[in-house]
N, C-alpha and C. Protein backbone atom coordinates (compact mmCIF):
# COMPACT_ATOMS: atom_id res chain seq x y z
N UNK A 1 0.71 -1.31 0.04
CA UNK A 1 0.05 0.07 0.08
C UNK A 1 0.83 1.30 -0.01
N UNK A 2 0.49 2.34 -0.71
CA UNK A 2 1.21 3.46 -0.80
C UNK A 2 0.94 4.28 0.54
N UNK A 3 1.97 4.83 1.17
CA UNK A 3 1.62 5.65 2.29
C UNK A 3 1.30 7.12 1.94
N UNK A 4 0.56 7.74 2.84
CA UNK A 4 0.21 9.27 2.51
C UNK A 4 1.50 9.98 2.36
N UNK A 5 2.35 9.81 3.14
CA UNK A 5 3.64 10.57 2.92
C UNK A 5 4.26 10.31 1.59
N UNK A 6 4.51 9.08 1.18
CA UNK A 6 5.08 8.90 -0.17
C UNK A 6 4.35 9.46 -1.26
N UNK A 7 2.91 9.37 -1.03
CA UNK A 7 2.05 9.89 -2.19
C UNK A 7 2.24 11.43 -2.22
N UNK A 8 2.24 12.09 -1.15
CA UNK A 8 2.49 13.50 -1.20
C UNK A 8 3.76 13.95 -1.72
N UNK A 9 4.90 13.21 -1.26
CA UNK A 9 6.25 13.42 -2.02
C UNK A 9 6.12 13.30 -3.35
N UNK A 10 5.48 12.19 -3.97
CA UNK A 10 5.52 11.97 -5.38
C UNK A 10 4.68 13.06 -6.10
N UNK A 11 3.50 13.41 -5.35
CA UNK A 11 2.76 14.50 -6.12
C UNK A 11 3.56 15.82 -6.05
N UNK A 12 4.12 16.10 -4.99
CA UNK A 12 5.00 17.50 -5.10
C UNK A 12 6.04 17.43 -6.16
N UNK A 13 6.74 16.21 -6.24
CA UNK A 13 7.80 15.99 -7.31
C UNK A 13 7.05 16.18 -8.72
N UNK A 14 6.01 15.38 -8.83
CA UNK A 14 5.25 15.56 -10.27
C UNK A 14 4.93 17.00 -10.61
N UNK A 15 4.49 17.75 -9.46
CA UNK A 15 4.00 19.15 -9.70
C UNK A 15 5.19 20.10 -9.87
N UNK A 16 6.40 19.67 -9.36
CA UNK A 16 7.55 20.46 -9.61
C UNK A 16 7.52 21.72 -8.77
N UNK A 17 6.97 21.53 -7.48
CA UNK A 17 6.65 22.68 -6.64
C UNK A 17 7.48 22.61 -5.39
N UNK A 18 7.78 23.74 -4.86
CA UNK A 18 8.23 23.76 -3.36
C UNK A 18 7.26 24.05 -2.44
N UNK A 19 5.98 24.27 -2.86
CA UNK A 19 4.78 24.56 -2.22
C UNK A 19 4.59 23.51 -1.26
N UNK A 20 4.23 23.62 0.10
CA UNK A 20 3.88 22.60 1.20
C UNK A 20 2.51 21.95 0.61
N UNK A 21 2.50 20.83 0.52
CA UNK A 21 1.21 20.00 -0.01
C UNK A 21 0.83 19.24 1.28
N UNK A 22 -0.44 19.21 1.66
CA UNK A 22 -0.87 18.41 2.68
C UNK A 22 -2.08 17.63 2.24
N UNK A 23 -2.27 16.60 2.92
CA UNK A 23 -3.53 15.57 2.55
C UNK A 23 -4.75 16.17 2.57
N UNK A 24 -4.98 17.04 3.41
CA UNK A 24 -6.34 17.71 3.51
C UNK A 24 -6.46 19.05 2.82
N UNK A 25 -5.50 19.17 1.83
CA UNK A 25 -5.47 20.44 1.19
C UNK A 25 -6.39 20.42 -0.03
N UNK A 26 -7.14 21.57 -0.37
CA UNK A 26 -7.82 21.78 -1.50
C UNK A 26 -7.00 21.81 -2.65
N UNK A 27 -7.30 21.09 -3.74
CA UNK A 27 -6.36 21.20 -5.10
C UNK A 27 -6.43 22.53 -5.58
N UNK A 28 -7.50 23.25 -5.46
CA UNK A 28 -7.52 24.55 -5.92
C UNK A 28 -6.63 25.48 -5.34
N UNK A 29 -6.15 25.27 -4.11
CA UNK A 29 -5.20 25.94 -3.44
C UNK A 29 -3.84 25.74 -3.77
N UNK A 30 -3.65 24.70 -4.48
CA UNK A 30 -2.34 24.47 -4.95
C UNK A 30 -2.06 25.05 -6.41
N UNK A 31 -1.09 26.12 -6.53
CA UNK A 31 -0.87 26.91 -7.64
C UNK A 31 -0.65 26.24 -8.88
N UNK A 32 0.21 24.93 -8.58
CA UNK A 32 0.67 24.34 -9.84
C UNK A 32 -0.34 23.26 -10.33
N UNK A 33 -1.65 23.03 -9.59
CA UNK A 33 -2.47 21.98 -10.08
C UNK A 33 -3.53 22.71 -11.11
N UNK A 34 -3.44 22.11 -12.29
CA UNK A 34 -4.29 22.46 -13.45
C UNK A 34 -4.71 21.48 -14.44
N UNK A 35 -5.08 21.70 -15.48
CA UNK A 35 -5.46 20.50 -16.30
C UNK A 35 -4.40 19.55 -16.80
N UNK A 36 -3.23 20.42 -16.98
CA UNK A 36 -2.09 19.56 -17.47
C UNK A 36 -1.57 18.75 -16.38
N UNK A 37 -1.70 19.27 -15.18
CA UNK A 37 -1.14 18.43 -14.01
C UNK A 37 -2.05 17.14 -13.76
N UNK A 38 -3.35 17.34 -14.20
CA UNK A 38 -4.18 16.13 -14.06
C UNK A 38 -3.72 15.01 -14.89
N UNK A 39 -3.38 15.45 -16.26
CA UNK A 39 -2.88 14.48 -17.03
C UNK A 39 -1.62 13.88 -16.62
N UNK A 40 -0.67 14.77 -16.23
CA UNK A 40 0.73 14.30 -15.63
C UNK A 40 0.35 13.32 -14.32
N UNK A 41 -0.64 13.71 -13.56
CA UNK A 41 -0.93 12.95 -12.33
C UNK A 41 -1.22 11.56 -12.72
N UNK A 42 -2.18 11.49 -13.74
CA UNK A 42 -2.72 10.13 -14.39
C UNK A 42 -1.45 9.24 -15.01
N UNK A 43 -0.68 9.98 -15.47
CA UNK A 43 0.52 9.22 -16.12
C UNK A 43 1.54 8.66 -14.96
N UNK A 44 1.58 9.60 -13.88
CA UNK A 44 2.47 9.29 -12.76
C UNK A 44 1.93 8.01 -12.06
N UNK A 45 0.62 7.96 -11.88
CA UNK A 45 0.04 6.80 -11.09
C UNK A 45 0.22 5.54 -11.98
N UNK A 46 0.23 5.56 -13.31
CA UNK A 46 0.33 4.42 -13.97
C UNK A 46 1.79 3.89 -13.96
N UNK A 47 2.71 5.01 -14.03
CA UNK A 47 4.08 4.52 -13.94
C UNK A 47 4.58 4.09 -12.65
N UNK A 48 4.25 4.83 -11.53
CA UNK A 48 4.83 4.67 -10.12
C UNK A 48 4.01 3.58 -9.43
N UNK A 49 2.72 3.68 -9.57
CA UNK A 49 1.90 2.74 -8.78
C UNK A 49 1.18 1.60 -9.62
N UNK A 50 1.25 1.51 -11.03
CA UNK A 50 0.70 0.76 -11.80
C UNK A 50 -0.68 0.73 -11.60
N UNK A 51 -1.35 1.86 -11.50
CA UNK A 51 -2.79 2.11 -11.25
C UNK A 51 -3.23 3.14 -12.53
N UNK A 52 -4.40 2.63 -13.19
CA UNK A 52 -4.82 3.68 -14.12
C UNK A 52 -6.09 4.05 -13.61
N UNK A 53 -6.18 5.43 -13.67
CA UNK A 53 -7.30 6.12 -13.03
C UNK A 53 -8.22 6.64 -14.11
N UNK A 54 -9.56 6.71 -13.85
CA UNK A 54 -10.59 7.24 -14.65
C UNK A 54 -10.17 8.72 -14.71
N UNK A 55 -10.39 9.43 -15.87
CA UNK A 55 -10.18 10.89 -15.81
C UNK A 55 -11.23 11.59 -15.19
N UNK A 56 -12.54 10.97 -15.04
CA UNK A 56 -13.58 11.70 -14.23
C UNK A 56 -13.33 11.70 -12.82
N UNK A 57 -12.72 10.53 -12.40
CA UNK A 57 -12.26 10.50 -10.97
C UNK A 57 -11.24 11.63 -10.58
N UNK A 58 -10.33 11.65 -11.36
CA UNK A 58 -9.31 12.75 -11.12
C UNK A 58 -10.00 14.30 -11.31
N UNK A 59 -10.79 14.30 -12.26
CA UNK A 59 -11.24 15.69 -12.41
C UNK A 59 -12.33 16.07 -11.15
N UNK A 60 -12.91 15.11 -10.69
CA UNK A 60 -13.89 15.40 -9.62
C UNK A 60 -13.11 15.55 -8.14
N UNK A 61 -11.98 15.23 -8.08
CA UNK A 61 -11.32 15.24 -6.91
C UNK A 61 -11.18 16.72 -6.40
N UNK A 62 -11.39 17.00 -5.19
CA UNK A 62 -11.62 18.27 -4.43
C UNK A 62 -10.31 18.40 -3.61
N UNK A 63 -9.91 17.40 -2.83
CA UNK A 63 -8.85 17.53 -1.90
C UNK A 63 -7.69 16.48 -2.26
N UNK A 64 -6.53 16.76 -1.78
CA UNK A 64 -5.46 15.90 -2.14
C UNK A 64 -5.80 14.42 -1.69
N UNK A 65 -6.63 14.41 -0.52
CA UNK A 65 -6.85 13.10 -0.16
C UNK A 65 -7.95 12.31 -1.15
N UNK A 66 -8.61 13.02 -1.84
CA UNK A 66 -9.42 12.35 -2.96
C UNK A 66 -8.67 11.60 -3.87
N UNK A 67 -7.55 12.29 -4.23
CA UNK A 67 -6.58 11.72 -5.24
C UNK A 67 -5.94 10.51 -4.56
N UNK A 68 -5.53 10.74 -3.46
CA UNK A 68 -4.88 9.50 -2.66
C UNK A 68 -5.83 8.45 -2.58
N UNK A 69 -7.09 8.68 -2.10
CA UNK A 69 -8.00 7.49 -2.03
C UNK A 69 -8.40 6.80 -3.34
N UNK A 70 -8.40 7.64 -4.40
CA UNK A 70 -8.72 7.18 -5.66
C UNK A 70 -7.50 6.05 -6.14
N UNK A 71 -6.26 6.39 -5.87
CA UNK A 71 -5.04 5.50 -6.02
C UNK A 71 -5.17 4.38 -5.45
N UNK A 72 -5.48 4.48 -4.02
CA UNK A 72 -5.55 3.32 -3.02
C UNK A 72 -6.65 2.43 -3.53
N UNK A 73 -7.82 3.02 -3.81
CA UNK A 73 -9.03 2.10 -4.35
C UNK A 73 -8.70 1.40 -5.57
N UNK A 74 -7.98 2.05 -6.47
CA UNK A 74 -7.68 1.48 -7.76
C UNK A 74 -6.86 0.39 -7.58
N UNK A 75 -5.71 0.66 -6.62
CA UNK A 75 -4.71 -0.40 -6.45
C UNK A 75 -5.37 -1.76 -5.84
N UNK A 76 -6.52 -1.59 -5.18
CA UNK A 76 -7.10 -2.79 -4.59
C UNK A 76 -6.60 -3.17 -3.41
């Protein structure tokens, strides 16, 4: 299982940001989060976690935790 700490580190690396990211953070509060980041996030989850996420699941996420939960649930 992917730890929240590892997930957040991977997300920050993917976003190429020094901004502090927390599990309960609203994605809209992350300056680097945009539609391109969503696509990059989906690619990252396939590469790092061997998890394919539905684009609607990612688009509907509100919090960082929603993304984490989607990855954990898809990993089974």
